[in-house]
Amino acid sequence: MVIRLSGEEGRKSFPCVLCGAQVPGAGASIGVCRRCLIDRWSESRERIEMHHARSRERFDLPVHVPESPGGLRCTLCMHGCCMGEGERGYCGIRSGSPESFRHDGRTRALVSWYHDPLPTNCVADWVCPGGTGAGFPRFSHEKGPEVGFYNLAVFFEACNLNCLYCQNWSFKCSSTMDRPWHTVDELVACVTAETSCICFFGGDPVPQLPFAIRVSERVLEKHAGRIHRICWETNGSMHPAWLKKIVGLSLRSGGCVKIDLKSWDPRIHYALCGCGNRPILENFARVARWIPLRSEPPLLVASTLLVPGYVGEEEVSRIAAFIAGLNPDIPYALLGFAPQFCMSDFSTTSREQADACVEAARRAGLRRVRLANRHLLC
């Protein structure tokens, strides 16, 4: 399998292997059209799983969620990996050895970070305190954008999904043996008086949530009385018990939980990300129940990447209706697609399609919809 960043090949389309319909750039990645994924899933699944397996073998990641009898069970996310001695979990962080299970992603993490000047290019910058001053003076230093302050952007170098279009896939290129582990103390020491928010993203925070939670609690304790918002950009696949912990940290600090709803149909989600999405949607609904505890700044923000040929008006309309049924004021960001990883043969989202998706989200009942990454639209 060839992995490219971009190229003229991204303007091609290929016939669906099942029905012959033209599919944007699917010759090197999925190969099955959206309609066949939904209507002919039993025929599509084997091909989809083959593509995901190849994309993981390249980086020496487990092809399947491990289920070893008598192994150690991880309860961080919806996969629930059960790992034998020396066997790695699906995310690649922990193994079945007691030492790894106690410390990896818990007291130490595969993580990098940098200070990003505010306002920054964040999924929630159009509604958050750092970009708008929402929640001033309790949660923001300014009535408007927090110029002069910084976001501590914390990138976790692991993920428990396998998105074929991953925008940050390069973290997979080095094995866990090649990358340095960092401690809680190292990251806490990087928080300064000019740091007004900490955003955990990646990859995804989920495989290393205990580490992120330890950091957050230490920061809020060490800098009590200062504004240090705790924010998360996540696929939302964590166990509900861990979800409750991160929501509590964001509620008290003025931060937000940004969940990427990658599709509505579970078969589309499986094709693009390697797993279903029911637990993710259930977690999103759980967070929505906490919104009455703090309406501003928004606690919960949703986003969806507009994947040509797969995630368009129909998917967005159903996602938006789901969100509106929970709370029509939940902010929803639609993101333009950039060809990456195994789907580098795709084109970018068209402006016409993006505008149609915005209108679909509004018709579904959402009041706060934004089209981001406009510079990527073709």
Protein backbone atom coordinates (compact mmCIF):
# COMPACT_ATOMS: atom_id res chain seq x y z
CA MET A 1 0.00 0.00 0.00
CA VAL A 2 1.34 3.41 -0.99
CA ILE A 3 0.94 6.25 1.50
CA ARG A 4 1.26 9.72 -0.02
CA LEU A 5 0.52 13.14 1.39
CA SER A 6 -1.18 14.53 -1.70
CA GLY A 7 -0.89 14.68 -5.47
CA GLU A 8 -2.64 14.97 -8.80
CA GLU A 9 -3.94 11.43 -8.26
CA GLY A 10 -6.38 13.01 -5.80
CA ARG A 11 -8.51 14.22 -8.73
CA LYS A 12 -9.29 10.69 -9.96
CA SER A 13 -12.35 8.56 -9.32
CA PHE A 14 -12.61 4.79 -9.44
CA PRO A 15 -15.45 2.32 -9.99
CA CYS A 16 -16.96 0.67 -6.93
CA VAL A 17 -15.85 -2.98 -6.92
CA LEU A 18 -19.41 -4.09 -6.13
CA CYS A 19 -21.71 -1.93 -8.27
CA GLY A 20 -19.42 -0.05 -10.67
CA ALA A 21 -20.47 3.42 -9.50
CA GLN A 22 -17.72 6.05 -9.64
CA VAL A 23 -16.17 6.69 -6.23
CA PRO A 24 -13.82 9.63 -5.42
CA GLY A 25 -10.27 8.30 -5.21
CA ALA A 26 -11.27 4.94 -3.75
CA GLY A 27 -8.99 2.83 -5.92
CA ALA A 28 -6.16 2.79 -3.37
CA SER A 29 -8.09 2.94 -0.12
CA ILE A 30 -11.71 1.80 0.25
CA GLY A 31 -12.90 0.72 -3.18
CA VAL A 32 -16.56 0.40 -2.18
CA CYS A 33 -19.07 3.20 -2.62
CA ARG A 34 -21.12 4.61 0.24
CA ARG A 35 -24.35 3.02 -0.95
CA CYS A 36 -22.81 -0.45 -1.15
CA LEU A 37 -21.29 -0.05 2.32
CA ILE A 38 -24.80 0.51 3.63
CA ASP A 39 -26.83 -1.86 1.44
CA ARG A 40 -24.25 -4.62 0.85
CA TRP A 41 -22.26 -4.59 4.08
CA SER A 42 -21.73 -8.35 4.25
CA GLU A 43 -19.96 -8.17 0.87
CA SER A 44 -18.07 -4.98 1.71
CA ARG A 45 -16.75 -5.86 5.15
CA GLU A 46 -13.99 -8.29 4.17
CA ARG A 47 -12.46 -5.76 1.77
CA ILE A 48 -12.69 -2.97 4.34
CA GLU A 49 -11.02 -5.08 7.01
CA MET A 50 -8.23 -5.99 4.58
CA HIS A 51 -7.44 -2.30 4.01
CA HIS A 52 -7.41 -1.57 7.73
CA ALA A 53 -5.19 -4.57 8.42
CA ARG A 54 -2.65 -3.44 5.82
CA SER A 55 -2.62 0.10 7.18
CA ARG A 56 -1.78 -1.22 10.67
CA GLU A 57 0.71 -3.92 9.71
CA ARG A 58 2.85 -1.22 8.13
CA PHE A 59 3.41 0.27 11.59
CA ASP A 60 3.53 -3.00 13.55
CA LEU A 61 0.21 -2.25 15.26
CA PRO A 62 -2.21 -5.03 16.27
CA VAL A 63 -4.60 -5.79 13.41
CA HIS A 64 -7.43 -6.81 15.75
CA VAL A 65 -8.51 -5.96 19.29
CA PRO A 66 -6.75 -8.60 21.43
CA GLU A 67 -8.89 -11.07 23.38
CA SER A 68 -6.41 -13.33 25.17
CA PRO A 69 -7.98 -15.62 27.80
CA GLY A 70 -6.54 -14.84 31.21
CA GLY A 71 -4.93 -11.63 30.01
CA LEU A 72 -5.10 -8.16 31.58
CA ARG A 73 -8.26 -6.25 30.63
CA CYS A 74 -7.97 -2.54 29.80
CA THR A 75 -11.10 -0.54 30.60
CA LEU A 76 -10.11 2.82 29.15
CA CYS A 77 -12.10 2.64 25.93
CA MET A 78 -14.86 0.84 24.08
CA HIS A 79 -12.48 -1.84 22.75
CA GLY A 80 -11.76 -3.39 26.15
CA CYS A 81 -8.51 -5.08 25.04
CA CYS A 82 -7.58 -8.23 26.96
CA MET A 83 -3.80 -8.60 26.59
CA GLY A 84 -1.56 -11.52 27.28
CA GLU A 85 2.03 -11.12 28.52
CA GLY A 86 3.90 -9.01 25.95
CA GLU A 87 0.81 -8.55 23.76
CA ARG A 88 0.02 -4.93 22.91
CA GLY A 89 -3.42 -3.37 22.96
CA TYR A 90 -5.08 -2.03 19.83
CA CYS A 91 -3.82 1.51 20.53
CA GLY A 92 -0.24 0.27 20.87
CA ILE A 93 0.34 1.88 24.28
CA ARG A 94 -0.09 -0.83 26.91
CA SER A 95 0.84 -4.50 26.87
CA GLY A 96 -0.23 -7.41 29.03
CA SER A 97 2.85 -7.15 31.26
CA PRO A 98 1.99 -5.82 34.75
CA GLU A 99 4.68 -3.11 34.55
CA SER A 100 3.35 -1.70 31.26
CA PHE A 101 -0.23 -1.96 32.47
CA ARG A 102 0.53 0.07 35.62
CA HIS A 103 2.58 2.86 34.03
CA ASP A 104 2.15 3.24 30.27
CA GLY A 105 -0.33 6.00 29.53
CA ARG A 106 -0.84 6.44 33.25
CA THR A 107 2.26 7.72 35.07
CA ARG A 108 4.16 8.24 31.81
CA ALA A 109 3.04 8.99 28.26
CA LEU A 110 4.10 9.11 24.64
CA VAL A 111 3.39 12.80 24.23
CA SER A 112 4.74 16.06 22.85
CA TRP A 113 3.62 19.65 23.42
CA TYR A 114 4.08 23.25 22.37
CA HIS A 115 2.81 26.72 23.31
CA ASP A 116 0.33 28.07 20.77
CA PRO A 117 -0.46 31.83 20.88
CA LEU A 118 -4.14 32.67 21.40
CA PRO A 119 -6.43 32.97 19.58
CA THR A 120 -5.44 29.71 17.92
CA ASN A 121 -6.67 27.41 15.17
CA CYS A 122 -8.88 25.25 17.36
CA VAL A 123 -12.11 23.41 16.54
CA ALA A 124 -13.81 25.51 19.22
CA ASP A 125 -12.01 28.85 18.75
CA TRP A 126 -15.23 30.47 17.49
CA VAL A 127 -17.07 29.80 20.78
CA CYS A 128 -14.38 29.24 23.44
CA PRO A 129 -13.00 31.76 25.97
CA GLY A 130 -9.58 31.88 24.30
CA GLY A 131 -11.03 32.95 20.96
CA THR A 132 -14.05 34.99 22.02
CA GLY A 133 -13.79 35.92 25.69
CA ALA A 134 -16.82 33.75 26.53
CA GLY A 135 -17.14 33.30 30.28
CA PHE A 136 -15.31 36.55 31.15
CA PRO A 137 -14.15 37.25 33.83
CA ARG A 138 -14.34 33.84 35.52
CA PHE A 139 -12.97 31.78 32.63
CA SER A 140 -11.30 34.34 30.37
CA HIS A 141 -8.74 37.11 30.86
CA GLU A 142 -10.36 39.32 28.21
CA LYS A 143 -13.82 40.22 26.94
CA GLY A 144 -12.55 39.25 23.50
CA PRO A 145 -9.73 37.06 22.16
CA GLU A 146 -6.98 36.41 24.72
CA VAL A 147 -4.11 38.07 22.86
CA GLY A 148 -0.88 37.66 24.81
CA PHE A 149 -1.85 34.32 26.36
CA TYR A 150 -1.11 30.77 25.22
CA ASN A 151 -2.68 27.39 24.75
CA LEU A 152 -0.50 24.50 25.88
CA ALA A 153 -1.22 22.08 23.03
CA VAL A 154 -0.58 18.52 24.22
CA PHE A 155 -0.33 15.94 21.44
CA PHE A 156 -0.77 12.30 22.46
CA GLU A 157 1.12 9.99 20.12
CA ALA A 158 -1.37 7.12 20.02
CA CYS A 159 -4.95 6.45 18.96
CA ASN A 160 -7.50 3.69 19.50
CA LEU A 161 -9.24 4.28 16.14
CA ASN A 162 -7.76 3.59 12.73
CA CYS A 163 -8.98 6.44 10.52
CA LEU A 164 -7.80 5.86 6.96
CA TYR A 165 -7.69 9.65 6.41
CA CYS A 166 -5.79 10.49 9.62
CA GLN A 167 -4.34 14.01 9.41
CA ASN A 168 -1.65 13.32 12.03
CA TRP A 169 -0.66 9.78 11.05
CA SER A 170 3.09 10.46 11.13
CA PHE A 171 3.22 9.68 14.87
CA LYS A 172 2.78 6.00 13.89
CA CYS A 173 6.08 5.95 12.02
CA SER A 174 8.18 5.39 15.15
CA SER A 175 7.67 2.44 17.44
CA THR A 176 7.12 2.88 21.18
CA MET A 177 10.74 1.78 21.61
CA ASP A 178 12.00 4.72 19.56
CA ARG A 179 10.03 7.50 21.24
CA PRO A 180 10.78 9.01 24.66
CA TRP A 181 8.24 8.64 27.45
CA HIS A 182 7.45 11.77 29.45
CA THR A 183 6.33 12.12 33.05
CA VAL A 184 3.50 14.07 34.64
CA ASP A 185 6.02 16.38 36.33
CA GLU A 186 7.65 17.29 33.01
CA LEU A 187 4.39 18.44 31.49
CA VAL A 188 3.09 20.23 34.59
CA ALA A 189 6.34 22.23 34.73
CA CYS A 190 5.57 23.72 31.29
CA VAL A 191 2.45 25.54 32.50
CA THR A 192 3.14 29.26 33.07
CA ALA A 193 1.21 32.37 34.11
CA GLU A 194 0.62 33.05 30.40
CA THR A 195 -0.92 29.61 29.84
CA SER A 196 -4.69 30.08 29.94
CA CYS A 197 -5.77 26.77 28.42
CA ILE A 198 -4.47 23.25 27.98
CA CYS A 199 -5.79 21.22 25.07
CA PHE A 200 -5.27 17.45 24.95
CA PHE A 201 -5.48 16.09 21.41
CA GLY A 202 -3.56 13.76 19.10
CA GLY A 203 -3.76 10.94 17.90
CA ASP A 204 -6.24 10.92 20.70
CA PRO A 205 -6.10 11.41 24.49
CA VAL A 206 -8.21 8.28 25.12
CA PRO A 207 -5.40 5.67 25.23
CA GLN A 208 -3.51 7.81 27.78
CA LEU A 209 -6.38 9.47 29.66
CA PRO A 210 -5.12 8.62 33.18
CA PHE A 211 -1.93 10.56 32.42
CA ALA A 212 -3.89 13.57 31.09
CA ILE A 213 -6.17 13.54 34.11
CA ARG A 214 -3.21 13.45 36.50
CA VAL A 215 -1.65 16.42 34.71
CA SER A 216 -4.93 18.37 34.79
CA GLU A 217 -5.50 17.79 38.49
CA ARG A 218 -1.93 18.79 39.34
CA VAL A 219 -2.15 21.99 37.26
CA LEU A 220 -5.45 23.07 38.81
CA GLU A 221 -4.10 22.36 42.29
CA LYS A 222 -0.72 24.03 41.72
CA HIS A 223 -2.21 27.12 40.08
CA ALA A 224 -5.40 27.45 42.10
CA GLY A 225 -7.11 30.80 41.49
CA ARG A 226 -5.64 31.23 38.00
CA ILE A 227 -7.39 30.65 34.69
CA HIS A 228 -6.24 27.32 33.29
CA ARG A 229 -8.98 25.81 31.15
CA ILE A 230 -8.82 22.05 30.49
CA CYS A 231 -9.98 21.10 26.99
CA TRP A 232 -10.16 17.86 25.03
CA GLU A 233 -10.26 17.04 21.31
CA THR A 234 -11.27 13.41 21.15
CA ASN A 235 -13.07 10.69 19.24
CA GLY A 236 -15.24 10.20 22.34
CA SER A 237 -14.67 6.43 22.65
CA MET A 238 -13.63 6.31 26.30
CA HIS A 239 -15.41 4.26 28.98
CA PRO A 240 -18.22 6.35 30.55
CA ALA A 241 -16.44 6.36 33.93
CA TRP A 242 -13.43 8.13 32.37
CA LEU A 243 -15.74 10.44 30.43
CA LYS A 244 -17.21 11.65 33.72
CA LYS A 245 -13.73 12.55 34.99
CA ILE A 246 -12.78 14.66 31.98
CA VAL A 247 -16.14 16.44 31.90
CA GLY A 248 -15.72 17.35 35.56
CA LEU A 249 -12.30 18.88 34.88
CA SER A 250 -13.61 20.93 31.96
CA LEU A 251 -16.69 22.09 33.86
CA ARG A 252 -14.76 23.48 36.81
CA SER A 253 -11.99 25.08 34.71
CA GLY A 254 -14.06 26.65 31.88
CA GLY A 255 -12.80 24.23 29.24
CA CYS A 256 -14.71 22.25 26.64
CA VAL A 257 -15.04 18.69 25.38
CA LYS A 258 -14.74 18.59 21.59
CA ILE A 259 -15.97 15.29 20.16
CA ASP A 260 -15.43 14.38 16.53
CA LEU A 261 -18.57 12.68 15.18
CA LYS A 262 -17.00 11.10 12.12
CA SER A 263 -20.23 9.70 10.65
CA TRP A 264 -23.75 8.66 11.57
CA ASP A 265 -24.07 5.28 9.87
CA PRO A 266 -22.03 2.64 11.75
CA ARG A 267 -20.95 0.97 8.50
CA ILE A 268 -19.52 4.21 7.14
CA HIS A 269 -17.76 4.70 10.46
CA TYR A 270 -16.36 1.16 10.31
CA ALA A 271 -15.11 1.69 6.75
CA LEU A 272 -13.39 4.98 7.57
CA CYS A 273 -12.23 4.34 11.14
CA GLY A 274 -12.07 0.57 11.64
CA CYS A 275 -14.87 0.25 14.21
CA GLY A 276 -18.50 1.11 14.87
CA ASN A 277 -19.69 4.31 16.54
CA ARG A 278 -22.56 3.45 18.89
CA PRO A 279 -20.54 3.97 22.13
CA ILE A 280 -19.28 7.31 20.77
CA LEU A 281 -22.78 8.60 20.10
CA GLU A 282 -23.88 7.40 23.54
CA ASN A 283 -20.98 9.25 25.15
CA PHE A 284 -21.83 12.42 23.25
CA ALA A 285 -25.38 12.22 24.63
CA ARG A 286 -23.96 11.72 28.14
CA VAL A 287 -21.90 14.91 27.96
CA ALA A 288 -24.96 16.82 26.72
CA ARG A 289 -26.71 16.06 30.03
CA TRP A 290 -24.12 18.21 31.83
CA ILE A 291 -24.71 21.28 29.65
CA PRO A 292 -27.30 22.83 32.05
CA LEU A 293 -24.55 23.05 34.67
CA ARG A 294 -22.68 25.59 32.50
CA SER A 295 -24.17 26.96 29.31
CA GLU A 296 -21.35 29.49 28.64
CA PRO A 297 -18.72 28.95 27.58
CA PRO A 298 -20.04 25.87 25.78
CA LEU A 299 -19.11 22.62 27.51
CA LEU A 300 -19.67 20.42 24.46
CA VAL A 301 -18.63 21.06 20.85
CA ALA A 302 -19.10 18.69 17.90
CA SER A 303 -17.18 18.44 14.64
CA THR A 304 -17.39 16.37 11.45
CA LEU A 305 -14.88 16.01 8.62
CA LEU A 306 -16.58 16.19 5.20
CA VAL A 307 -15.11 13.17 3.39
CA PRO A 308 -15.90 13.31 -0.36
CA GLY A 309 -18.22 10.51 -1.41
CA TYR A 310 -18.81 9.23 2.13
CA VAL A 311 -19.63 11.98 4.63
CA GLY A 312 -21.84 14.55 2.95
CA GLU A 313 -25.32 16.01 3.30
CA GLU A 314 -27.08 12.81 4.32
CA GLU A 315 -24.62 11.94 7.08
CA VAL A 316 -24.40 15.54 8.29
CA SER A 317 -28.18 15.91 8.36
CA ARG A 318 -28.56 12.82 10.55
CA ILE A 319 -25.70 13.81 12.86
CA ALA A 320 -27.11 17.32 13.19
CA ALA A 321 -30.61 16.02 13.95
CA PHE A 322 -29.12 13.83 16.69
CA ILE A 323 -27.26 16.81 18.19
CA ALA A 324 -30.28 19.13 17.92
CA GLY A 325 -32.39 16.54 19.72
CA LEU A 326 -30.02 16.82 22.66
CA ASN A 327 -29.58 20.59 22.59
CA PRO A 328 -29.94 22.83 19.49
CA ASP A 329 -27.33 25.27 20.85
CA ILE A 330 -24.46 22.76 20.84
CA PRO A 331 -21.84 24.28 18.48
CA TYR A 332 -21.16 22.16 15.39
CA ALA A 333 -18.07 22.66 13.19
CA LEU A 334 -17.86 21.15 9.71
CA LEU A 335 -14.30 20.63 8.48
CA GLY A 336 -12.96 20.63 4.94
CA PHE A 337 -11.18 17.42 3.97
CA ALA A 338 -7.46 17.28 3.15
CA PRO A 339 -6.15 14.13 1.42
CA GLN A 340 -3.90 12.25 3.85
CA PHE A 341 -2.61 8.84 4.90
CA CYS A 342 -4.36 5.95 3.08
CA MET A 343 -6.85 8.33 1.43
CA SER A 344 -4.29 10.60 -0.16
CA ASP A 345 -5.81 9.71 -3.55
CA PHE A 346 -9.01 11.61 -2.67
CA SER A 347 -9.84 15.18 -3.61
CA THR A 348 -10.56 17.96 -1.14
CA THR A 349 -14.14 18.85 -0.22
CA SER A 350 -15.87 20.99 -2.83
CA ARG A 351 -17.22 24.38 -1.81
CA GLU A 352 -20.62 23.43 -3.16
CA GLN A 353 -20.72 20.29 -1.01
CA ALA A 354 -19.52 22.14 2.09
CA ASP A 355 -22.17 24.86 1.74
CA ALA A 356 -24.86 22.22 1.23
CA CYS A 357 -23.75 20.45 4.42
CA VAL A 358 -23.94 23.69 6.42
CA GLU A 359 -27.50 24.22 5.22
CA ALA A 360 -28.37 20.60 6.02
CA ALA A 361 -27.13 21.03 9.59
CA ARG A 362 -29.18 24.19 10.04
CA ARG A 363 -32.31 22.59 8.57
CA ALA A 364 -31.88 19.78 11.09
CA GLY A 365 -32.34 22.34 13.88
CA LEU A 366 -28.86 23.43 14.96
CA ARG A 367 -28.43 27.15 15.70
CA ARG A 368 -24.62 27.33 15.86
CA VAL A 369 -22.98 25.86 12.76
CA ARG A 370 -19.60 26.81 11.35
CA LEU A 371 -17.67 25.82 8.25
CA ALA A 372 -13.96 25.61 9.10
CA ASN A 373 -10.88 24.92 6.97
CA ARG A 374 -12.36 27.00 4.14
CA HIS A 375 -8.91 27.31 2.58
CA LEU A 376 -9.03 23.57 1.76
CA LEU A 377 -12.23 23.74 -0.29
CA CYS A 378 -11.92 23.28 -4.02
